[in-house]
Amino acid sequence: APHLSFLLLGVFLLGVSWIYTRFRDAI
């Protein structure tokens, strides 16, 4: 279970950084 939660946390953090980079000007 912790391994799955860390994997999901990593995917979440990558997604947030991608969204911030992609929509930086709009944000």
PDB file of all heavy atoms in Angstrom:
ATOM      1  N   ALA A   1       0.808  -1.227   0.000  1.00  0.00           N
ATOM      2  CA  ALA A   1       0.000   0.000   0.000  1.00  0.00           C
ATOM      3  C   ALA A   1       0.840   1.276   0.000  1.00  0.00           C
ATOM      4  O   ALA A   1       0.540   2.203  -0.754  1.00  0.00           O
ATOM      5  CB  ALA A   1      -0.963  -0.017   1.175  1.00  0.00           C
ATOM      6  N   PRO A   2       1.900   1.380   0.817  1.00  0.00           N
ATOM      7  CA  PRO A   2       2.698   2.614   0.764  1.00  0.00           C
ATOM      8  C   PRO A   2       3.368   2.829  -0.586  1.00  0.00           C
ATOM      9  O   PRO A   2       3.490   3.964  -1.041  1.00  0.00           O
ATOM     10  CB  PRO A   2       3.747   2.434   1.856  1.00  0.00           C
ATOM     11  CG  PRO A   2       3.196   1.416   2.752  1.00  0.00           C
ATOM     12  CD  PRO A   2       2.338   0.534   1.915  1.00  0.00           C
ATOM     13  N   HIS A   3       3.767   1.762  -1.224  1.00  0.00           N
ATOM     14  CA  HIS A   3       4.411   1.896  -2.524  1.00  0.00           C
ATOM     15  C   HIS A   3       3.425   2.465  -3.547  1.00  0.00           C
ATOM     16  O   HIS A   3       3.779   3.328  -4.345  1.00  0.00           O
ATOM     17  CB  HIS A   3       4.966   0.561  -2.993  1.00  0.00           C
ATOM     18  CG  HIS A   3       5.970  -0.022  -2.060  1.00  0.00           C
ATOM     19  ND1 HIS A   3       7.207   0.548  -1.859  1.00  0.00           N
ATOM     20  CD2 HIS A   3       5.912  -1.098  -1.245  1.00  0.00           C
ATOM     21  CE1 HIS A   3       7.880  -0.165  -0.971  1.00  0.00           C
ATOM     22  NE2 HIS A   3       7.105  -1.166  -0.578  1.00  0.00           N
ATOM     23  N   LEU A   4       2.196   2.008  -3.496  1.00  0.00           N
ATOM     24  CA  LEU A   4       1.173   2.527  -4.387  1.00  0.00           C
ATOM     25  C   LEU A   4       0.861   3.987  -4.064  1.00  0.00           C
ATOM     26  O   LEU A   4       0.715   4.813  -4.965  1.00  0.00           O
ATOM     27  CB  LEU A   4      -0.097   1.682  -4.284  1.00  0.00           C
ATOM     28  CG  LEU A   4      -1.254   2.099  -5.174  1.00  0.00           C
ATOM     29  CD1 LEU A   4      -0.859   1.995  -6.635  1.00  0.00           C
ATOM     30  CD2 LEU A   4      -2.465   1.243  -4.886  1.00  0.00           C
ATOM     31  N   SER A   5       0.808   4.318  -2.784  1.00  0.00           N
ATOM     32  CA  SER A   5       0.518   5.706  -2.414  1.00  0.00           C
ATOM     33  C   SER A   5       1.656   6.636  -2.822  1.00  0.00           C
ATOM     34  O   SER A   5       1.409   7.765  -3.255  1.00  0.00           O
ATOM     35  CB  SER A   5       0.235   5.820  -0.917  1.00  0.00           C
ATOM     36  OG  SER A   5       1.385   5.567  -0.164  1.00  0.00           O
ATOM     37  N   PHE A   6       2.906   6.193  -2.715  1.00  0.00           N
ATOM     38  CA  PHE A   6       4.028   7.015  -3.162  1.00  0.00           C
ATOM     39  C   PHE A   6       4.010   7.194  -4.672  1.00  0.00           C
ATOM     40  O   PHE A   6       4.326   8.254  -5.188  1.00  0.00           O
ATOM     41  CB  PHE A   6       5.353   6.434  -2.720  1.00  0.00           C
ATOM     42  CG  PHE A   6       5.589   6.536  -1.248  1.00  0.00           C
ATOM     43  CD1 PHE A   6       6.037   5.450  -0.541  1.00  0.00           C
ATOM     44  CD2 PHE A   6       5.355   7.714  -0.575  1.00  0.00           C
ATOM     45  CE1 PHE A   6       6.246   5.532   0.822  1.00  0.00           C
ATOM     46  CE2 PHE A   6       5.556   7.811   0.783  1.00  0.00           C
ATOM     47  CZ  PHE A   6       6.004   6.716   1.481  1.00  0.00           C
ATOM     48  N   LEU A   7       3.644   6.141  -5.381  1.00  0.00           N
ATOM     49  CA  LEU A   7       3.533   6.236  -6.828  1.00  0.00           C
ATOM     50  C   LEU A   7       2.453   7.248  -7.217  1.00  0.00           C
ATOM     51  O   LEU A   7       2.669   8.107  -8.081  1.00  0.00           O
ATOM     52  CB  LEU A   7       3.223   4.864  -7.427  1.00  0.00           C
ATOM     53  CG  LEU A   7       3.101   4.800  -8.932  1.00  0.00           C
ATOM     54  CD1 LEU A   7       4.451   5.091  -9.574  1.00  0.00           C
ATOM     55  CD2 LEU A   7       2.600   3.445  -9.347  1.00  0.00           C
ATOM     56  N   LEU A   8       1.307   7.177  -6.564  1.00  0.00           N
ATOM     57  CA  LEU A   8       0.232   8.129  -6.840  1.00  0.00           C
ATOM     58  C   LEU A   8       0.619   9.550  -6.438  1.00  0.00           C
ATOM     59  O   LEU A   8       0.268  10.508  -7.130  1.00  0.00           O
ATOM     60  CB  LEU A   8      -1.047   7.696  -6.129  1.00  0.00           C
ATOM     61  CG  LEU A   8      -1.688   6.431  -6.670  1.00  0.00           C
ATOM     62  CD1 LEU A   8      -2.881   6.024  -5.810  1.00  0.00           C
ATOM     63  CD2 LEU A   8      -2.102   6.613  -8.105  1.00  0.00           C
ATOM     64  N   LEU A   9       1.330   9.702  -5.338  1.00  0.00           N
ATOM     65  CA  LEU A   9       1.802  11.019  -4.925  1.00  0.00           C
ATOM     66  C   LEU A   9       2.761  11.589  -5.966  1.00  0.00           C
ATOM     67  O   LEU A   9       2.682  12.767  -6.320  1.00  0.00           O
ATOM     68  CB  LEU A   9       2.490  10.940  -3.566  1.00  0.00           C
ATOM     69  CG  LEU A   9       3.098  12.241  -3.049  1.00  0.00           C
ATOM     70  CD1 LEU A   9       2.017  13.278  -2.790  1.00  0.00           C
ATOM     71  CD2 LEU A   9       3.904  11.981  -1.794  1.00  0.00           C
ATOM     72  N   GLY A  10       3.650  10.762  -6.480  1.00  0.00           N
ATOM     73  CA  GLY A  10       4.576  11.214  -7.517  1.00  0.00           C
ATOM     74  C   GLY A  10       3.857  11.637  -8.784  1.00  0.00           C
ATOM     75  O   GLY A  10       4.178  12.667  -9.382  1.00  0.00           O
ATOM     76  N   VAL A  11       2.862  10.860  -9.191  1.00  0.00           N
ATOM     77  CA  VAL A  11       2.077  11.218 -10.371  1.00  0.00           C
ATOM     78  C   VAL A  11       1.332  12.532 -10.128  1.00  0.00           C
ATOM     79  O   VAL A  11       1.278  13.401 -11.001  1.00  0.00           O
ATOM     80  CB  VAL A  11       1.102  10.077 -10.730  1.00  0.00           C
ATOM     81  CG1 VAL A  11       0.080  10.520 -11.761  1.00  0.00           C
ATOM     82  CG2 VAL A  11       1.871   8.870 -11.227  1.00  0.00           C
ATOM     83  N   PHE A  12       0.780  12.695  -8.929  1.00  0.00           N
ATOM     84  CA  PHE A  12       0.081  13.925  -8.584  1.00  0.00           C
ATOM     85  C   PHE A  12       1.022  15.126  -8.628  1.00  0.00           C
ATOM     86  O   PHE A  12       0.699  16.171  -9.206  1.00  0.00           O
ATOM     87  CB  PHE A  12      -0.554  13.802  -7.203  1.00  0.00           C
ATOM     88  CG  PHE A  12      -1.180  15.066  -6.705  1.00  0.00           C
ATOM     89  CD1 PHE A  12      -2.377  15.511  -7.223  1.00  0.00           C
ATOM     90  CD2 PHE A  12      -0.558  15.815  -5.721  1.00  0.00           C
ATOM     91  CE1 PHE A  12      -2.950  16.689  -6.782  1.00  0.00           C
ATOM     92  CE2 PHE A  12      -1.122  16.992  -5.259  1.00  0.00           C
ATOM     93  CZ  PHE A  12      -2.321  17.425  -5.797  1.00  0.00           C
ATOM     94  N   LEU A  13       2.203  15.000  -8.047  1.00  0.00           N
ATOM     95  CA  LEU A  13       3.160  16.110  -8.038  1.00  0.00           C
ATOM     96  C   LEU A  13       3.658  16.440  -9.441  1.00  0.00           C
ATOM     97  O   LEU A  13       3.822  17.611  -9.790  1.00  0.00           O
ATOM     98  CB  LEU A  13       4.339  15.788  -7.115  1.00  0.00           C
ATOM     99  CG  LEU A  13       4.016  15.733  -5.626  1.00  0.00           C
ATOM    100  CD1 LEU A  13       5.230  15.251  -4.841  1.00  0.00           C
ATOM    101  CD2 LEU A  13       3.550  17.079  -5.122  1.00  0.00           C
ATOM    102  N   LEU A  14       3.866  15.421 -10.266  1.00  0.00           N
ATOM    103  CA  LEU A  14       4.253  15.676 -11.654  1.00  0.00           C
ATOM    104  C   LEU A  14       3.132  16.382 -12.405  1.00  0.00           C
ATOM    105  O   LEU A  14       3.375  17.286 -13.203  1.00  0.00           O
ATOM    106  CB  LEU A  14       4.619  14.370 -12.354  1.00  0.00           C
ATOM    107  CG  LEU A  14       5.963  13.779 -11.989  1.00  0.00           C
ATOM    108  CD1 LEU A  14       6.119  12.394 -12.618  1.00  0.00           C
ATOM    109  CD2 LEU A  14       7.084  14.686 -12.445  1.00  0.00           C
ATOM    110  N   GLY A  15       1.900  15.978 -12.152  1.00  0.00           N
ATOM    111  CA  GLY A  15       0.761  16.623 -12.800  1.00  0.00           C
ATOM    112  C   GLY A  15       0.623  18.081 -12.399  1.00  0.00           C
ATOM    113  O   GLY A  15       0.373  18.948 -13.246  1.00  0.00           O
ATOM    114  N   VAL A  16       0.793  18.370 -11.115  1.00  0.00           N
ATOM    115  CA  VAL A  16       0.712  19.754 -10.649  1.00  0.00           C
ATOM    116  C   VAL A  16       1.817  20.594 -11.270  1.00  0.00           C
ATOM    117  O   VAL A  16       1.580  21.715 -11.721  1.00  0.00           O
ATOM    118  CB  VAL A  16       0.765  19.806  -9.109  1.00  0.00           C
ATOM    119  CG1 VAL A  16       0.977  21.224  -8.615  1.00  0.00           C
ATOM    120  CG2 VAL A  16      -0.505  19.222  -8.520  1.00  0.00           C
ATOM    121  N   SER A  17       3.021  20.062 -11.339  1.00  0.00           N
ATOM    122  CA  SER A  17       4.116  20.838 -11.933  1.00  0.00           C
ATOM    123  C   SER A  17       3.896  21.029 -13.430  1.00  0.00           C
ATOM    124  O   SER A  17       4.204  22.099 -13.976  1.00  0.00           O
ATOM    125  CB  SER A  17       5.456  20.167 -11.668  1.00  0.00           C
ATOM    126  OG  SER A  17       5.536  18.941 -12.351  1.00  0.00           O
ATOM    127  N   TRP A  18       3.344  20.031 -14.114  1.00  0.00           N
ATOM    128  CA  TRP A  18       3.053  20.173 -15.543  1.00  0.00           C
ATOM    129  C   TRP A  18       1.981  21.235 -15.766  1.00  0.00           C
ATOM    130  O   TRP A  18       2.116  22.090 -16.650  1.00  0.00           O
ATOM    131  CB  TRP A  18       2.603  18.835 -16.125  1.00  0.00           C
ATOM    132  CG  TRP A  18       2.256  18.945 -17.578  1.00  0.00           C
ATOM    133  CD1 TRP A  18       3.121  18.980 -18.627  1.00  0.00           C
ATOM    134  CD2 TRP A  18       0.946  19.080 -18.133  1.00  0.00           C
ATOM    135  NE1 TRP A  18       2.424  19.114 -19.808  1.00  0.00           N
ATOM    136  CE2 TRP A  18       1.091  19.166 -19.526  1.00  0.00           C
ATOM    137  CE3 TRP A  18      -0.326  19.112 -17.582  1.00  0.00           C
ATOM    138  CZ2 TRP A  18      -0.001  19.304 -20.370  1.00  0.00           C
ATOM    139  CZ3 TRP A  18      -1.409  19.247 -18.438  1.00  0.00           C
ATOM    140  CH2 TRP A  18      -1.240  19.342 -19.808  1.00  0.00           C
ATOM    141  N   ILE A  19       0.921  21.209 -14.953  1.00  0.00           N
ATOM    142  CA  ILE A  19      -0.149  22.201 -15.081  1.00  0.00           C
ATOM    143  C   ILE A  19       0.394  23.598 -14.821  1.00  0.00           C
ATOM    144  O   ILE A  19       0.082  24.539 -15.548  1.00  0.00           O
ATOM    145  CB  ILE A  19      -1.314  21.862 -14.120  1.00  0.00           C
ATOM    146  CG1 ILE A  19      -2.062  20.636 -14.632  1.00  0.00           C
ATOM    147  CG2 ILE A  19      -2.270  23.040 -13.964  1.00  0.00           C
ATOM    148  CD1 ILE A  19      -3.077  20.096 -13.659  1.00  0.00           C
ATOM    149  N   TYR A  20       1.212  23.742 -13.797  1.00  0.00           N
ATOM    150  CA  TYR A  20       1.785  25.061 -13.495  1.00  0.00           C
ATOM    151  C   TYR A  20       2.665  25.553 -14.631  1.00  0.00           C
ATOM    152  O   TYR A  20       2.610  26.713 -15.019  1.00  0.00           O
ATOM    153  CB  TYR A  20       2.583  25.020 -12.198  1.00  0.00           C
ATOM    154  CG  TYR A  20       3.236  26.340 -11.892  1.00  0.00           C
ATOM    155  CD1 TYR A  20       2.482  27.430 -11.477  1.00  0.00           C
ATOM    156  CD2 TYR A  20       4.602  26.516 -12.054  1.00  0.00           C
ATOM    157  CE1 TYR A  20       3.075  28.654 -11.223  1.00  0.00           C
ATOM    158  CE2 TYR A  20       5.191  27.736 -11.803  1.00  0.00           C
ATOM    159  CZ  TYR A  20       4.430  28.793 -11.385  1.00  0.00           C
ATOM    160  OH  TYR A  20       5.016  30.001 -11.147  1.00  0.00           O
ATOM    161  N   THR A  21       3.471  24.666 -15.198  1.00  0.00           N
ATOM    162  CA  THR A  21       4.358  25.065 -16.290  1.00  0.00           C
ATOM    163  C   THR A  21       3.562  25.402 -17.548  1.00  0.00           C
ATOM    164  O   THR A  21       3.844  26.380 -18.225  1.00  0.00           O
ATOM    165  CB  THR A  21       5.371  23.941 -16.590  1.00  0.00           C
ATOM    166  OG1 THR A  21       6.089  23.651 -15.404  1.00  0.00           O
ATOM    167  CG2 THR A  21       6.335  24.355 -17.676  1.00  0.00           C
ATOM    168  N   ARG A  22       2.571  24.602 -17.839  1.00  0.00           N
ATOM    169  CA  ARG A  22       1.794  24.796 -19.062  1.00  0.00           C
ATOM    170  C   ARG A  22       0.935  26.050 -19.002  1.00  0.00           C
ATOM    171  O   ARG A  22       0.807  26.767 -19.987  1.00  0.00           O
ATOM    172  CB  ARG A  22       0.917  23.575 -19.299  1.00  0.00           C
ATOM    173  CG  ARG A  22      -0.008  23.688 -20.466  1.00  0.00           C
ATOM    174  CD  ARG A  22       0.186  22.550 -21.414  1.00  0.00           C
ATOM    175  NE  ARG A  22      -0.889  22.477 -22.364  1.00  0.00           N
ATOM    176  CZ  ARG A  22      -0.800  22.983 -23.589  1.00  0.00           C
ATOM    177  NH1 ARG A  22       0.305  23.562 -23.955  1.00  0.00           N
ATOM    178  NH2 ARG A  22      -1.805  22.880 -24.415  1.00  0.00           N
ATOM    179  N   PHE A  23       0.310  26.303 -17.866  1.00  0.00           N
ATOM    180  CA  PHE A  23      -0.624  27.418 -17.735  1.00  0.00           C
ATOM    181  C   PHE A  23      -0.077  28.525 -16.832  1.00  0.00           C
ATOM    182  O   PHE A  23      -0.837  29.203 -16.151  1.00  0.00           O
ATOM    183  CB  PHE A  23      -1.956  26.907 -17.188  1.00  0.00           C
ATOM    184  CG  PHE A  23      -2.588  25.863 -18.059  1.00  0.00           C
ATOM    185  CD1 PHE A  23      -2.598  24.536 -17.669  1.00  0.00           C
ATOM    186  CD2 PHE A  23      -3.153  26.200 -19.272  1.00  0.00           C
ATOM    187  CE1 PHE A  23      -3.165  23.569 -18.461  1.00  0.00           C
ATOM    188  CE2 PHE A  23      -3.724  25.236 -20.081  1.00  0.00           C
ATOM    189  CZ  PHE A  23      -3.733  23.910 -19.678  1.00  0.00           C
ATOM    190  N   ARG A  24       1.219  28.715 -16.836  1.00  0.00           N
ATOM    191  CA  ARG A  24       1.869  29.679 -15.960  1.00  0.00           C
ATOM    192  C   ARG A  24       1.321  31.094 -16.146  1.00  0.00           C
ATOM    193  O   ARG A  24       1.032  31.792 -15.187  1.00  0.00           O
ATOM    194  CB  ARG A  24       3.365  29.659 -16.195  1.00  0.00           C
ATOM    195  CG  ARG A  24       4.138  30.584 -15.305  1.00  0.00           C
ATOM    196  CD  ARG A  24       5.612  30.545 -15.590  1.00  0.00           C
ATOM    197  NE  ARG A  24       6.050  29.181 -15.848  1.00  0.00           N
ATOM    198  CZ  ARG A  24       7.178  28.866 -16.441  1.00  0.00           C
ATOM    199  NH1 ARG A  24       7.998  29.804 -16.826  1.00  0.00           N
ATOM    200  NH2 ARG A  24       7.503  27.615 -16.654  1.00  0.00           N
ATOM    201  N   ASP A  25       1.182  31.524 -17.400  1.00  0.00           N
ATOM    202  CA  ASP A  25       0.716  32.893 -17.645  1.00  0.00           C
ATOM    203  C   ASP A  25      -0.732  33.076 -17.179  1.00  0.00           C
ATOM    204  O   ASP A  25      -1.071  34.112 -16.590  1.00  0.00           O
ATOM    205  CB  ASP A  25       0.852  33.235 -19.124  1.00  0.00           C
ATOM    206  CG  ASP A  25       2.305  33.260 -19.558  1.00  0.00           C
ATOM    207  OD1 ASP A  25       3.169  33.559 -18.711  1.00  0.00           O
ATOM    208  OD2 ASP A  25       2.582  32.957 -20.742  1.00  0.00           O
ATOM    209  N   ALA A  26      -1.581  32.108 -17.432  1.00  0.00           N
ATOM    210  CA  ALA A  26      -2.976  32.217 -17.006  1.00  0.00           C
ATOM    211  C   ALA A  26      -3.079  32.212 -15.489  1.00  0.00           C
ATOM    212  O   ALA A  26      -3.891  32.950 -14.910  1.00  0.00           O
ATOM    213  CB  ALA A  26      -3.793  31.065 -17.593  1.00  0.00           C
ATOM    214  N   ILE A  27      -2.255  31.425 -14.828  1.00  0.00           N
ATOM    215  CA  ILE A  27      -2.263  31.385 -13.353  1.00  0.00           C
ATOM    216  C   ILE A  27      -1.789  32.710 -12.806  1.00  0.00           C
ATOM    217  O   ILE A  27      -2.354  33.229 -11.835  1.00  0.00           O
ATOM    218  CB  ILE A  27      -1.407  30.210 -12.846  1.00  0.00           C
ATOM    219  CG1 ILE A  27      -2.064  28.886 -13.198  1.00  0.00           C
ATOM    220  CG2 ILE A  27      -1.197  30.306 -11.340  1.00  0.00           C
ATOM    221  CD1 ILE A  27      -1.200  27.678 -12.942  1.00  0.00           C
TER     222      ILE A  27
END
